[in-house]
Amino acid sequence: MTHTLTDRTLALAALFQAAQLVQHVARRGHAADSDIETCINSLFQIDAPSTEAIFNGSRGLATGLRTLGARLGSGGTAEELEITRYAIALLHLERKLARYSTMQDTLRIGIERIRNQTNYFPPTHGNILAALGELYQATISTLQPRIMVQGDPTYLADKARANLIRALLLAGIRAAVLWRQVGGSRWQLFFSRRKILDTAQQLLQQPTI
C-alpha cells in the first residue's frame, strides 16, 4: 500500500495530541473529552482500511494538527516545549519496542482483550482506562528511559488520572508505530518539515474540522 504525506501528518498529529493531553491531565487535571476519546479509540482500530479511518476522520485530530503546527514551528514556552519532549520520547520508545517481539505480542493480545471489554463499557470508561494503564505499566513502562511525566503532584497521585495518563501514553505509542508504518522517519521530519506543516494547515482548513 502506498502511503501519503497526509497519512504521515495525521500520525504525527495523533502523537502530538496524545502528548498534549498527557500534559493537560498532569498539570490541569483534565482535558477535552472528545480529544481523549479520539486517542483512546485509536488503540482499538486494528484493521482500519486507512489512516484517517483509525481516527474516524481528521476532525478528531484538530487539536493534534494545531499542536503539530505550533511545535514544528520555532520557539515556544517551557510548557509548549514539554509537549515536544513527550512526543520525542514516545518516538524513541517506539524504536525500543520494535526490538522486542514478545512485548509487541503482549501488547497486541492485551489490546484485543481490552477491546472486547468495549462491548460492555465505552472506551473512556474507568475500567477500560485502568486496563490500558496496567498494560502500559507491564510493557512500555519497563523500557528505558521511562517517560517522566511532570505535573501537579495531586493529579499525578490520583489513580484515575494516572490511569488516563498511561492510557494516553499508550495511544501515543500507537501513533508512533503508525508513523513508522506509513513511512515516517527522522529524516522525514527533517527534510519534509515544511510539507508536513502545510499539510496540517490544509487539513485544518477542511470544512470537516
N, C-alpha and C. Protein backbone atom coordinates (compact mmCIF):
# COMPACT_ATOMS: atom_id res chain seq x y z
N MET A 1 0.84 -1.19 0.00
CA MET A 1 0.00 0.00 0.00
C MET A 1 0.88 1.25 0.00
N THR A 2 0.53 2.20 -0.84
CA THR A 2 1.26 3.46 -0.90
C THR A 2 0.71 4.42 0.14
N HIS A 3 1.61 4.97 0.94
CA HIS A 3 1.19 5.92 1.97
C HIS A 3 1.59 7.33 1.56
N THR A 4 0.80 8.28 2.00
CA THR A 4 0.97 9.66 1.57
C THR A 4 1.46 10.55 2.70
N LEU A 5 1.79 11.77 2.32
CA LEU A 5 2.19 12.77 3.32
C LEU A 5 1.04 13.05 4.28
N THR A 6 -0.18 12.97 3.78
CA THR A 6 -1.34 13.16 4.65
C THR A 6 -1.39 12.08 5.73
N ASP A 7 -1.10 10.84 5.36
CA ASP A 7 -1.05 9.75 6.34
C ASP A 7 -0.03 10.05 7.43
N ARG A 8 1.15 10.49 7.02
CA ARG A 8 2.21 10.76 7.99
C ARG A 8 1.85 11.97 8.86
N THR A 9 1.21 12.96 8.27
CA THR A 9 0.81 14.14 9.03
C THR A 9 -0.24 13.77 10.08
N LEU A 10 -1.19 12.94 9.71
CA LEU A 10 -2.21 12.50 10.66
C LEU A 10 -1.60 11.69 11.80
N ALA A 11 -0.64 10.83 11.47
CA ALA A 11 0.03 10.04 12.51
C ALA A 11 0.77 10.94 13.49
N LEU A 12 1.46 11.94 12.96
CA LEU A 12 2.17 12.88 13.84
C LEU A 12 1.19 13.71 14.66
N ALA A 13 0.08 14.10 14.05
CA ALA A 13 -0.93 14.87 14.77
C ALA A 13 -1.47 14.05 15.94
N ALA A 14 -1.69 12.76 15.72
CA ALA A 14 -2.16 11.88 16.80
C ALA A 14 -1.12 11.79 17.91
N LEU A 15 0.14 11.72 17.53
CA LEU A 15 1.23 11.67 18.51
C LEU A 15 1.25 12.93 19.36
N PHE A 16 1.17 14.09 18.71
CA PHE A 16 1.23 15.35 19.45
C PHE A 16 -0.05 15.59 20.25
N GLN A 17 -1.17 15.10 19.75
CA GLN A 17 -2.41 15.24 20.52
C GLN A 17 -2.31 14.44 21.81
N ALA A 18 -1.82 13.22 21.72
CA ALA A 18 -1.66 12.40 22.92
C ALA A 18 -0.69 13.07 23.90
N ALA A 19 0.41 13.62 23.38
CA ALA A 19 1.40 14.27 24.23
C ALA A 19 0.79 15.48 24.94
N GLN A 20 0.01 16.27 24.21
CA GLN A 20 -0.61 17.45 24.82
C GLN A 20 -1.63 17.05 25.88
N LEU A 21 -2.40 16.01 25.60
CA LEU A 21 -3.40 15.56 26.57
C LEU A 21 -2.74 15.04 27.84
N VAL A 22 -1.63 14.33 27.71
CA VAL A 22 -0.88 13.89 28.88
C VAL A 22 -0.50 15.09 29.73
N GLN A 23 0.02 16.12 29.09
CA GLN A 23 0.42 17.32 29.82
C GLN A 23 -0.77 17.98 30.51
N HIS A 24 -1.88 18.11 29.80
CA HIS A 24 -3.04 18.79 30.38
C HIS A 24 -3.60 18.03 31.58
N VAL A 25 -3.68 16.71 31.48
CA VAL A 25 -4.19 15.93 32.61
C VAL A 25 -3.23 16.04 33.79
N ALA A 26 -1.93 15.99 33.53
CA ALA A 26 -0.93 16.05 34.59
C ALA A 26 -0.86 17.42 35.25
N ARG A 27 -1.03 18.47 34.49
CA ARG A 27 -0.86 19.83 35.02
C ARG A 27 -2.17 20.51 35.38
N ARG A 28 -3.25 20.17 34.68
CA ARG A 28 -4.53 20.84 34.91
C ARG A 28 -5.59 19.92 35.51
N GLY A 29 -5.33 18.63 35.42
CA GLY A 29 -6.28 17.68 35.98
C GLY A 29 -7.38 17.25 35.04
N HIS A 30 -7.40 17.83 33.84
CA HIS A 30 -8.47 17.49 32.89
C HIS A 30 -8.01 17.83 31.48
N ALA A 31 -8.75 17.33 30.50
CA ALA A 31 -8.50 17.63 29.09
C ALA A 31 -9.82 17.41 28.35
N ALA A 32 -9.86 17.84 27.10
CA ALA A 32 -11.09 17.75 26.31
C ALA A 32 -11.50 16.29 26.11
N ASP A 33 -12.73 15.98 26.48
CA ASP A 33 -13.22 14.60 26.38
C ASP A 33 -13.16 14.07 24.95
N SER A 34 -13.53 14.90 23.98
CA SER A 34 -13.56 14.44 22.59
C SER A 34 -12.17 14.11 22.09
N ASP A 35 -11.18 14.89 22.51
CA ASP A 35 -9.79 14.62 22.11
C ASP A 35 -9.28 13.33 22.74
N ILE A 36 -9.64 13.13 24.00
CA ILE A 36 -9.25 11.90 24.69
C ILE A 36 -9.88 10.69 23.99
N GLU A 37 -11.16 10.81 23.67
CA GLU A 37 -11.87 9.70 23.04
C GLU A 37 -11.24 9.31 21.70
N THR A 38 -10.82 10.31 20.92
CA THR A 38 -10.16 10.01 19.64
C THR A 38 -8.90 9.19 19.86
N CYS A 39 -8.09 9.60 20.83
CA CYS A 39 -6.83 8.90 21.09
C CYS A 39 -7.07 7.48 21.61
N ILE A 40 -7.96 7.35 22.58
CA ILE A 40 -8.21 6.02 23.15
C ILE A 40 -8.83 5.09 22.12
N ASN A 41 -9.78 5.61 21.35
CA ASN A 41 -10.42 4.79 20.31
C ASN A 41 -9.42 4.26 19.30
N SER A 42 -8.39 5.05 19.02
CA SER A 42 -7.41 4.65 18.00
C SER A 42 -6.69 3.36 18.39
N LEU A 43 -6.60 3.09 19.68
CA LEU A 43 -5.93 1.88 20.13
C LEU A 43 -6.66 0.62 19.68
N PHE A 44 -7.96 0.74 19.46
CA PHE A 44 -8.77 -0.43 19.14
C PHE A 44 -9.06 -0.58 17.65
N GLN A 45 -8.50 0.32 16.84
CA GLN A 45 -8.69 0.24 15.38
C GLN A 45 -7.55 -0.57 14.78
N ILE A 46 -7.67 -1.86 14.84
CA ILE A 46 -6.57 -2.76 14.46
C ILE A 46 -6.54 -3.01 12.95
N ASP A 47 -7.68 -3.12 12.33
CA ASP A 47 -7.73 -3.44 10.90
C ASP A 47 -8.41 -2.32 10.10
N ALA A 48 -8.14 -1.09 10.47
CA ALA A 48 -8.75 0.05 9.78
C ALA A 48 -8.29 0.10 8.33
N PRO A 49 -9.17 0.46 7.40
CA PRO A 49 -8.81 0.46 5.97
C PRO A 49 -7.90 1.61 5.57
N SER A 50 -7.79 2.63 6.41
CA SER A 50 -6.95 3.78 6.07
C SER A 50 -6.49 4.47 7.34
N THR A 51 -5.49 5.33 7.21
CA THR A 51 -5.01 6.09 8.37
C THR A 51 -6.12 6.96 8.93
N GLU A 52 -6.85 7.63 8.06
CA GLU A 52 -7.93 8.51 8.50
C GLU A 52 -9.00 7.74 9.26
N ALA A 53 -9.26 6.51 8.84
CA ALA A 53 -10.30 5.71 9.48
C ALA A 53 -9.93 5.35 10.93
N ILE A 54 -8.65 5.28 11.23
CA ILE A 54 -8.21 4.98 12.59
C ILE A 54 -8.74 6.02 13.57
N PHE A 55 -8.86 7.26 13.08
CA PHE A 55 -9.28 8.37 13.93
C PHE A 55 -10.69 8.85 13.59
N ASN A 56 -11.41 8.03 12.81
CA ASN A 56 -12.78 8.37 12.40
C ASN A 56 -12.81 9.73 11.70
N GLY A 57 -11.86 9.93 10.80
CA GLY A 57 -11.74 11.20 10.08
C GLY A 57 -10.76 12.11 10.78
N SER A 58 -10.43 13.21 10.12
CA SER A 58 -9.43 14.13 10.68
C SER A 58 -10.01 15.07 11.72
N ARG A 59 -11.35 15.13 11.83
CA ARG A 59 -11.99 16.05 12.77
C ARG A 59 -11.47 15.86 14.19
N GLY A 60 -11.34 14.60 14.62
CA GLY A 60 -10.92 14.33 15.98
C GLY A 60 -9.47 14.67 16.27
N LEU A 61 -8.71 14.99 15.23
CA LEU A 61 -7.29 15.33 15.41
C LEU A 61 -7.03 16.82 15.22
N ALA A 62 -8.08 17.64 15.27
CA ALA A 62 -7.90 19.08 15.10
C ALA A 62 -6.91 19.64 16.12
N THR A 63 -7.05 19.22 17.38
CA THR A 63 -6.12 19.68 18.42
C THR A 63 -4.70 19.24 18.11
N GLY A 64 -4.54 18.00 17.70
CA GLY A 64 -3.22 17.49 17.36
C GLY A 64 -2.61 18.20 16.17
N LEU A 65 -3.43 18.51 15.17
CA LEU A 65 -2.93 19.21 13.98
C LEU A 65 -2.46 20.61 14.35
N ARG A 66 -3.21 21.29 15.21
CA ARG A 66 -2.80 22.63 15.65
C ARG A 66 -1.52 22.55 16.48
N THR A 67 -1.46 21.57 17.37
CA THR A 67 -0.27 21.41 18.20
C THR A 67 0.94 21.06 17.36
N LEU A 68 0.75 20.19 16.39
CA LEU A 68 1.83 19.82 15.47
C LEU A 68 2.35 21.04 14.74
N GLY A 69 1.44 21.86 14.22
CA GLY A 69 1.85 23.07 13.52
C GLY A 69 2.65 24.01 14.40
N ALA A 70 2.23 24.13 15.66
CA ALA A 70 2.93 25.02 16.58
C ALA A 70 4.28 24.45 16.99
N ARG A 71 4.34 23.15 17.23
CA ARG A 71 5.56 22.56 17.75
C ARG A 71 6.62 22.33 16.67
N LEU A 72 6.22 22.18 15.42
CA LEU A 72 7.21 22.08 14.35
C LEU A 72 7.68 23.45 13.90
N GLY A 73 7.01 24.48 14.40
CA GLY A 73 7.48 25.83 14.16
C GLY A 73 8.64 26.13 15.10
N SER A 74 9.01 27.36 15.22
CA SER A 74 10.18 27.72 16.04
C SER A 74 9.74 28.25 17.39
N GLY A 75 10.63 28.10 18.38
CA GLY A 75 10.42 28.69 19.69
C GLY A 75 9.34 27.98 20.49
N GLY A 76 8.80 28.71 21.48
CA GLY A 76 7.77 28.15 22.33
C GLY A 76 8.11 28.33 23.80
N THR A 77 7.08 28.31 24.63
CA THR A 77 7.28 28.41 26.07
C THR A 77 7.79 27.08 26.62
N ALA A 78 8.20 27.09 27.88
CA ALA A 78 8.69 25.87 28.51
C ALA A 78 7.60 24.80 28.51
N GLU A 79 6.36 25.21 28.74
CA GLU A 79 5.25 24.25 28.75
C GLU A 79 5.01 23.67 27.36
N GLU A 80 5.15 24.50 26.34
CA GLU A 80 4.97 24.02 24.97
C GLU A 80 6.09 23.08 24.56
N LEU A 81 7.31 23.40 24.97
CA LEU A 81 8.45 22.54 24.65
C LEU A 81 8.33 21.19 25.35
N GLU A 82 7.65 21.18 26.49
CA GLU A 82 7.45 19.92 27.21
C GLU A 82 6.65 18.94 26.35
N ILE A 83 5.67 19.45 25.60
CA ILE A 83 4.89 18.59 24.71
C ILE A 83 5.80 17.95 23.67
N THR A 84 6.71 18.73 23.12
CA THR A 84 7.65 18.20 22.13
C THR A 84 8.52 17.12 22.75
N ARG A 85 8.96 17.33 23.99
CA ARG A 85 9.80 16.33 24.66
C ARG A 85 9.03 15.02 24.85
N TYR A 86 7.78 15.11 25.21
CA TYR A 86 6.97 13.89 25.34
C TYR A 86 6.86 13.18 24.00
N ALA A 87 6.61 13.94 22.94
CA ALA A 87 6.46 13.33 21.60
C ALA A 87 7.75 12.64 21.17
N ILE A 88 8.88 13.30 21.38
CA ILE A 88 10.17 12.72 21.02
C ILE A 88 10.44 11.46 21.84
N ALA A 89 10.12 11.52 23.13
CA ALA A 89 10.33 10.36 24.00
C ALA A 89 9.48 9.17 23.53
N LEU A 90 8.26 9.43 23.09
CA LEU A 90 7.40 8.36 22.59
C LEU A 90 7.97 7.75 21.31
N LEU A 91 8.52 8.59 20.44
CA LEU A 91 9.15 8.08 19.22
C LEU A 91 10.36 7.20 19.55
N HIS A 92 11.13 7.60 20.55
CA HIS A 92 12.29 6.79 20.98
C HIS A 92 11.83 5.45 21.56
N LEU A 93 10.78 5.48 22.37
CA LEU A 93 10.29 4.24 22.97
C LEU A 93 9.72 3.30 21.91
N GLU A 94 9.11 3.87 20.88
CA GLU A 94 8.61 3.03 19.79
C GLU A 94 9.75 2.28 19.12
N ARG A 95 10.89 2.94 18.96
CA ARG A 95 12.06 2.28 18.37
C ARG A 95 12.55 1.16 19.29
N LYS A 96 12.51 1.38 20.59
CA LYS A 96 12.89 0.34 21.54
C LYS A 96 11.91 -0.84 21.46
N LEU A 97 10.62 -0.52 21.41
CA LEU A 97 9.59 -1.55 21.33
C LEU A 97 9.78 -2.43 20.11
N ALA A 98 10.21 -1.84 19.00
CA ALA A 98 10.38 -2.59 17.75
C ALA A 98 11.39 -3.72 17.88
N ARG A 99 12.24 -3.67 18.91
CA ARG A 99 13.26 -4.70 19.10
C ARG A 99 12.74 -5.91 19.89
N TYR A 100 11.56 -5.77 20.48
CA TYR A 100 11.05 -6.81 21.38
C TYR A 100 9.75 -7.39 20.84
N SER A 101 9.85 -8.47 20.10
CA SER A 101 8.66 -9.08 19.50
C SER A 101 7.72 -9.63 20.57
N THR A 102 8.28 -10.14 21.66
CA THR A 102 7.44 -10.68 22.74
C THR A 102 6.58 -9.59 23.35
N MET A 103 7.16 -8.42 23.56
CA MET A 103 6.40 -7.31 24.12
C MET A 103 5.33 -6.84 23.14
N GLN A 104 5.66 -6.85 21.86
CA GLN A 104 4.67 -6.49 20.84
C GLN A 104 3.48 -7.46 20.89
N ASP A 105 3.78 -8.74 21.06
CA ASP A 105 2.71 -9.74 21.16
C ASP A 105 1.86 -9.50 22.40
N THR A 106 2.53 -9.18 23.51
CA THR A 106 1.80 -8.90 24.76
C THR A 106 0.86 -7.71 24.58
N LEU A 107 1.35 -6.69 23.91
CA LEU A 107 0.51 -5.51 23.66
C LEU A 107 -0.67 -5.86 22.76
N ARG A 108 -0.41 -6.60 21.70
CA ARG A 108 -1.48 -6.95 20.77
C ARG A 108 -2.57 -7.76 21.46
N ILE A 109 -2.15 -8.77 22.20
CA ILE A 109 -3.11 -9.63 22.90
C ILE A 109 -3.87 -8.82 23.95
N GLY A 110 -3.14 -7.97 24.68
CA GLY A 110 -3.76 -7.16 25.71
C GLY A 110 -4.79 -6.19 25.15
N ILE A 111 -4.44 -5.54 24.05
CA ILE A 111 -5.37 -4.58 23.44
C ILE A 111 -6.60 -5.29 22.89
N GLU A 112 -6.41 -6.46 22.30
CA GLU A 112 -7.57 -7.22 21.81
C GLU A 112 -8.48 -7.62 22.96
N ARG A 113 -7.88 -8.00 24.08
CA ARG A 113 -8.68 -8.38 25.26
C ARG A 113 -9.46 -7.17 25.77
N ILE A 114 -8.79 -6.03 25.85
CA ILE A 114 -9.46 -4.82 26.34
C ILE A 114 -10.51 -4.34 25.35
N ARG A 115 -10.24 -4.52 24.07
CA ARG A 115 -11.22 -4.12 23.06
C ARG A 115 -12.52 -4.91 23.25
N ASN A 116 -12.41 -6.16 23.64
CA ASN A 116 -13.61 -6.95 23.89
C ASN A 116 -14.45 -6.35 25.03
N GLN A 117 -13.77 -5.70 25.98
CA GLN A 117 -14.49 -5.08 27.09
C GLN A 117 -15.30 -3.87 26.64
N THR A 118 -14.93 -3.30 25.49
CA THR A 118 -15.68 -2.14 24.99
C THR A 118 -17.06 -2.55 24.48
N ASN A 119 -17.34 -3.85 24.45
CA ASN A 119 -18.70 -4.30 24.16
C ASN A 119 -19.63 -4.00 25.33
N TYR A 120 -19.04 -3.75 26.51
CA TYR A 120 -19.82 -3.52 27.72
C TYR A 120 -19.60 -2.13 28.31
N PHE A 121 -18.45 -1.53 28.00
CA PHE A 121 -18.14 -0.20 28.53
C PHE A 121 -17.68 0.70 27.39
N PRO A 122 -17.94 2.01 27.47
CA PRO A 122 -17.39 2.93 26.47
C PRO A 122 -15.87 2.98 26.58
N PRO A 123 -15.17 3.33 25.51
CA PRO A 123 -13.70 3.30 25.50
C PRO A 123 -13.04 4.15 26.58
N THR A 124 -13.73 5.20 27.04
CA THR A 124 -13.12 6.07 28.06
C THR A 124 -13.65 5.77 29.46
N HIS A 125 -14.33 4.65 29.62
CA HIS A 125 -14.81 4.23 30.95
C HIS A 125 -13.61 3.94 31.85
N GLY A 126 -13.79 4.16 33.13
CA GLY A 126 -12.70 3.95 34.07
C GLY A 126 -12.11 2.55 34.02
N ASN A 127 -12.96 1.54 33.81
CA ASN A 127 -12.46 0.16 33.74
C ASN A 127 -11.54 -0.04 32.54
N ILE A 128 -11.90 0.56 31.41
CA ILE A 128 -11.08 0.45 30.20
C ILE A 128 -9.76 1.17 30.40
N LEU A 129 -9.82 2.38 30.95
CA LEU A 129 -8.59 3.15 31.15
C LEU A 129 -7.68 2.47 32.16
N ALA A 130 -8.26 1.85 33.18
CA ALA A 130 -7.44 1.13 34.16
C ALA A 130 -6.74 -0.05 33.50
N ALA A 131 -7.45 -0.78 32.65
CA ALA A 131 -6.85 -1.93 31.96
C ALA A 131 -5.74 -1.48 31.02
N LEU A 132 -5.97 -0.38 30.31
CA LEU A 132 -4.93 0.15 29.42
C LEU A 132 -3.73 0.64 30.22
N GLY A 133 -4.00 1.28 31.36
CA GLY A 133 -2.91 1.74 32.20
C GLY A 133 -2.05 0.60 32.71
N GLU A 134 -2.71 -0.49 33.10
CA GLU A 134 -1.98 -1.67 33.57
C GLU A 134 -1.15 -2.29 32.45
N LEU A 135 -1.72 -2.30 31.24
CA LEU A 135 -0.99 -2.85 30.09
C LEU A 135 0.24 -2.00 29.80
N TYR A 136 0.10 -0.68 29.89
CA TYR A 136 1.25 0.21 29.69
C TYR A 136 2.33 -0.07 30.73
N GLN A 137 1.92 -0.20 31.98
CA GLN A 137 2.89 -0.45 33.05
C GLN A 137 3.63 -1.77 32.84
N ALA A 138 2.93 -2.77 32.34
CA ALA A 138 3.53 -4.10 32.17
C ALA A 138 4.44 -4.18 30.95
N THR A 139 4.34 -3.21 30.06
CA THR A 139 5.09 -3.28 28.80
C THR A 139 5.97 -2.04 28.59
N ILE A 140 5.40 -1.00 28.06
CA ILE A 140 6.17 0.19 27.69
C ILE A 140 6.92 0.79 28.87
N SER A 141 6.30 0.74 30.04
CA SER A 141 6.92 1.35 31.22
C SER A 141 8.19 0.63 31.65
N THR A 142 8.42 -0.58 31.14
CA THR A 142 9.64 -1.32 31.50
C THR A 142 10.81 -0.95 30.60
N LEU A 143 10.54 -0.21 29.52
CA LEU A 143 11.61 0.21 28.61
C LEU A 143 12.32 1.43 29.17
N GLN A 144 13.58 1.55 28.84
CA GLN A 144 14.38 2.69 29.31
C GLN A 144 14.82 3.57 28.14
N PRO A 145 14.89 4.88 28.35
CA PRO A 145 14.48 5.59 29.57
C PRO A 145 12.97 5.77 29.63
N ARG A 146 12.41 5.65 30.82
CA ARG A 146 10.98 5.83 31.01
C ARG A 146 10.61 7.29 30.83
N ILE A 147 9.38 7.51 30.39
CA ILE A 147 8.88 8.88 30.29
C ILE A 147 8.52 9.36 31.69
N MET A 148 9.11 10.46 32.11
CA MET A 148 8.82 11.05 33.41
C MET A 148 7.85 12.20 33.20
N VAL A 149 6.60 11.97 33.54
CA VAL A 149 5.57 12.99 33.35
C VAL A 149 5.63 13.99 34.50
N GLN A 150 5.70 15.26 34.15
CA GLN A 150 5.74 16.33 35.13
C GLN A 150 4.34 16.91 35.30
N GLY A 151 4.01 17.34 36.52
CA GLY A 151 2.70 17.92 36.73
C GLY A 151 2.42 18.18 38.19
N ASP A 152 1.17 18.45 38.49
CA ASP A 152 0.72 18.70 39.85
C ASP A 152 0.72 17.37 40.61
N PRO A 153 1.44 17.31 41.74
CA PRO A 153 1.52 16.05 42.49
C PRO A 153 0.16 15.49 42.87
N THR A 154 -0.80 16.37 43.13
CA THR A 154 -2.14 15.92 43.49
C THR A 154 -2.78 15.15 42.35
N TYR A 155 -2.64 15.67 41.14
CA TYR A 155 -3.22 15.00 39.98
C TYR A 155 -2.47 13.71 39.65
N LEU A 156 -1.14 13.75 39.77
CA LEU A 156 -0.34 12.58 39.44
C LEU A 156 -0.59 11.43 40.41
N ALA A 157 -0.97 11.78 41.64
CA ALA A 157 -1.22 10.75 42.66
C ALA A 157 -2.63 10.18 42.58
N ASP A 158 -3.48 10.85 41.81
CA ASP A 158 -4.87 10.39 41.66
C ASP A 158 -4.91 9.18 40.74
N LYS A 159 -5.48 8.08 41.22
CA LYS A 159 -5.43 6.82 40.47
C LYS A 159 -6.11 6.92 39.12
N ALA A 160 -7.27 7.54 39.06
CA ALA A 160 -8.00 7.64 37.80
C ALA A 160 -7.22 8.47 36.78
N ARG A 161 -6.63 9.57 37.23
CA ARG A 161 -5.85 10.41 36.31
C ARG A 161 -4.57 9.69 35.88
N ALA A 162 -3.96 8.96 36.80
CA ALA A 162 -2.75 8.21 36.45
C ALA A 162 -3.07 7.16 35.39
N ASN A 163 -4.21 6.49 35.53
CA ASN A 163 -4.62 5.52 34.51
C ASN A 163 -4.83 6.20 33.17
N LEU A 164 -5.47 7.37 33.19
CA LEU A 164 -5.72 8.11 31.95
C LEU A 164 -4.41 8.52 31.29
N ILE A 165 -3.46 9.01 32.09
CA ILE A 165 -2.17 9.41 31.54
C ILE A 165 -1.47 8.23 30.88
N ARG A 166 -1.47 7.09 31.55
CA ARG A 166 -0.81 5.90 30.98
C ARG A 166 -1.53 5.44 29.71
N ALA A 167 -2.85 5.50 29.71
CA ALA A 167 -3.61 5.11 28.52
C ALA A 167 -3.30 6.04 27.36
N LEU A 168 -3.15 7.33 27.65
CA LEU A 168 -2.81 8.30 26.60
C LEU A 168 -1.39 8.10 26.10
N LEU A 169 -0.48 7.74 26.99
CA LEU A 169 0.88 7.42 26.55
C LEU A 169 0.88 6.20 25.64
N LEU A 170 0.03 5.24 25.95
CA LEU A 170 -0.09 4.06 25.09
C LEU A 170 -0.64 4.46 23.72
N ALA A 171 -1.60 5.38 23.72
CA ALA A 171 -2.12 5.90 22.45
C ALA A 171 -1.03 6.64 21.68
N GLY A 172 -0.15 7.32 22.41
CA GLY A 172 0.98 7.98 21.76
C GLY A 172 1.94 6.99 21.13
N ILE A 173 2.16 5.87 21.80
CA ILE A 173 2.99 4.81 21.22
C ILE A 173 2.33 4.25 19.97
N ARG A 174 1.02 4.08 20.01
CA ARG A 174 0.30 3.58 18.85
C ARG A 174 0.47 4.55 17.67
N ALA A 175 0.42 5.85 17.95
CA ALA A 175 0.62 6.85 16.90
C ALA A 175 2.05 6.81 16.37
N ALA A 176 3.02 6.58 17.27
CA ALA A 176 4.42 6.50 16.84
C ALA A 176 4.65 5.27 15.96
N VAL A 177 4.00 4.15 16.32
CA VAL A 177 4.08 2.94 15.48
C VAL A 177 3.47 3.23 14.12
N LEU A 178 2.33 3.89 14.12
CA LEU A 178 1.66 4.24 12.86
C LEU A 178 2.54 5.13 12.00
N TRP A 179 3.21 6.09 12.62
CA TRP A 179 4.12 6.99 11.91
C TRP A 179 5.17 6.19 11.13
N ARG A 180 5.72 5.18 11.76
CA ARG A 180 6.70 4.32 11.07
C ARG A 180 6.04 3.50 9.97
N GLN A 181 4.86 3.00 10.27
CA GLN A 181 4.17 2.13 9.30
C GLN A 181 3.81 2.87 8.01
N VAL A 182 3.55 4.17 8.11
CA VAL A 182 3.17 4.94 6.91
C VAL A 182 4.36 5.67 6.30
N GLY A 183 5.56 5.25 6.68
CA GLY A 183 6.76 5.77 6.03
C GLY A 183 7.46 6.89 6.75
N GLY A 184 7.05 7.18 7.98
CA GLY A 184 7.69 8.25 8.74
C GLY A 184 9.06 7.85 9.26
N SER A 185 9.94 8.82 9.37
CA SER A 185 11.29 8.59 9.89
C SER A 185 11.86 9.91 10.38
N ARG A 186 13.01 9.83 11.04
CA ARG A 186 13.67 11.04 11.49
C ARG A 186 14.01 11.94 10.32
N TRP A 187 14.41 11.33 9.20
CA TRP A 187 14.76 12.13 8.02
C TRP A 187 13.53 12.80 7.42
N GLN A 188 12.39 12.11 7.50
CA GLN A 188 11.14 12.72 7.04
C GLN A 188 10.85 13.99 7.83
N LEU A 189 11.03 13.92 9.13
CA LEU A 189 10.80 15.09 9.97
C LEU A 189 11.75 16.23 9.60
N PHE A 190 12.98 15.86 9.28
CA PHE A 190 14.00 16.87 8.98
C PHE A 190 13.78 17.50 7.61
N PHE A 191 13.59 16.65 6.60
CA PHE A 191 13.54 17.16 5.23
C PHE A 191 12.13 17.57 4.77
N SER A 192 11.10 17.02 5.41
CA SER A 192 9.73 17.30 4.96
C SER A 192 8.95 18.15 5.96
N ARG A 193 9.66 18.82 6.85
CA ARG A 193 9.01 19.61 7.90
C ARG A 193 8.03 20.62 7.33
N ARG A 194 8.47 21.38 6.33
CA ARG A 194 7.60 22.41 5.75
C ARG A 194 6.39 21.78 5.08
N LYS A 195 6.58 20.67 4.39
CA LYS A 195 5.45 20.00 3.73
C LYS A 195 4.46 19.46 4.76
N ILE A 196 4.99 18.95 5.87
CA ILE A 196 4.11 18.45 6.93
C ILE A 196 3.30 19.60 7.52
N LEU A 197 3.96 20.73 7.76
CA LEU A 197 3.26 21.91 8.29
C LEU A 197 2.16 22.37 7.33
N ASP A 198 2.48 22.40 6.05
CA ASP A 198 1.49 22.82 5.05
C ASP A 198 0.31 21.85 5.01
N THR A 199 0.61 20.56 5.09
CA THR A 199 -0.46 19.55 5.05
C THR A 199 -1.35 19.66 6.29
N ALA A 200 -0.74 19.89 7.44
CA ALA A 200 -1.52 20.07 8.67
C ALA A 200 -2.46 21.27 8.54
N GLN A 201 -1.96 22.35 7.97
CA GLN A 201 -2.79 23.54 7.78
C GLN A 201 -3.93 23.27 6.81
N GLN A 202 -3.64 22.54 5.75
CA GLN A 202 -4.68 22.20 4.77
C GLN A 202 -5.77 21.34 5.41
N LEU A 203 -5.37 20.40 6.25
CA LEU A 203 -6.34 19.55 6.92
C LEU A 203 -7.21 20.35 7.89
N LEU A 204 -6.60 21.32 8.55
CA LEU A 204 -7.36 22.17 9.47
C LEU A 204 -8.37 23.04 8.74
N GLN A 205 -8.06 23.37 7.50
CA GLN A 205 -8.94 24.25 6.73
C GLN A 205 -10.08 23.50 6.04
N GLN A 206 -10.04 22.17 6.13
CA GLN A 206 -11.13 21.40 5.55
C GLN A 206 -12.42 21.68 6.31
N PRO A 207 -13.55 21.70 5.65
CA PRO A 207 -14.83 22.02 6.30
C PRO A 207 -15.18 21.10 7.46
N THR A 208 -14.63 19.88 7.45
CA THR A 208 -14.99 18.91 8.48
C THR A 208 -14.31 19.18 9.81
N ILE A 209 -13.25 20.01 9.81
CA ILE A 209 -12.53 20.28 11.06
C ILE A 209 -13.30 21.31 11.88
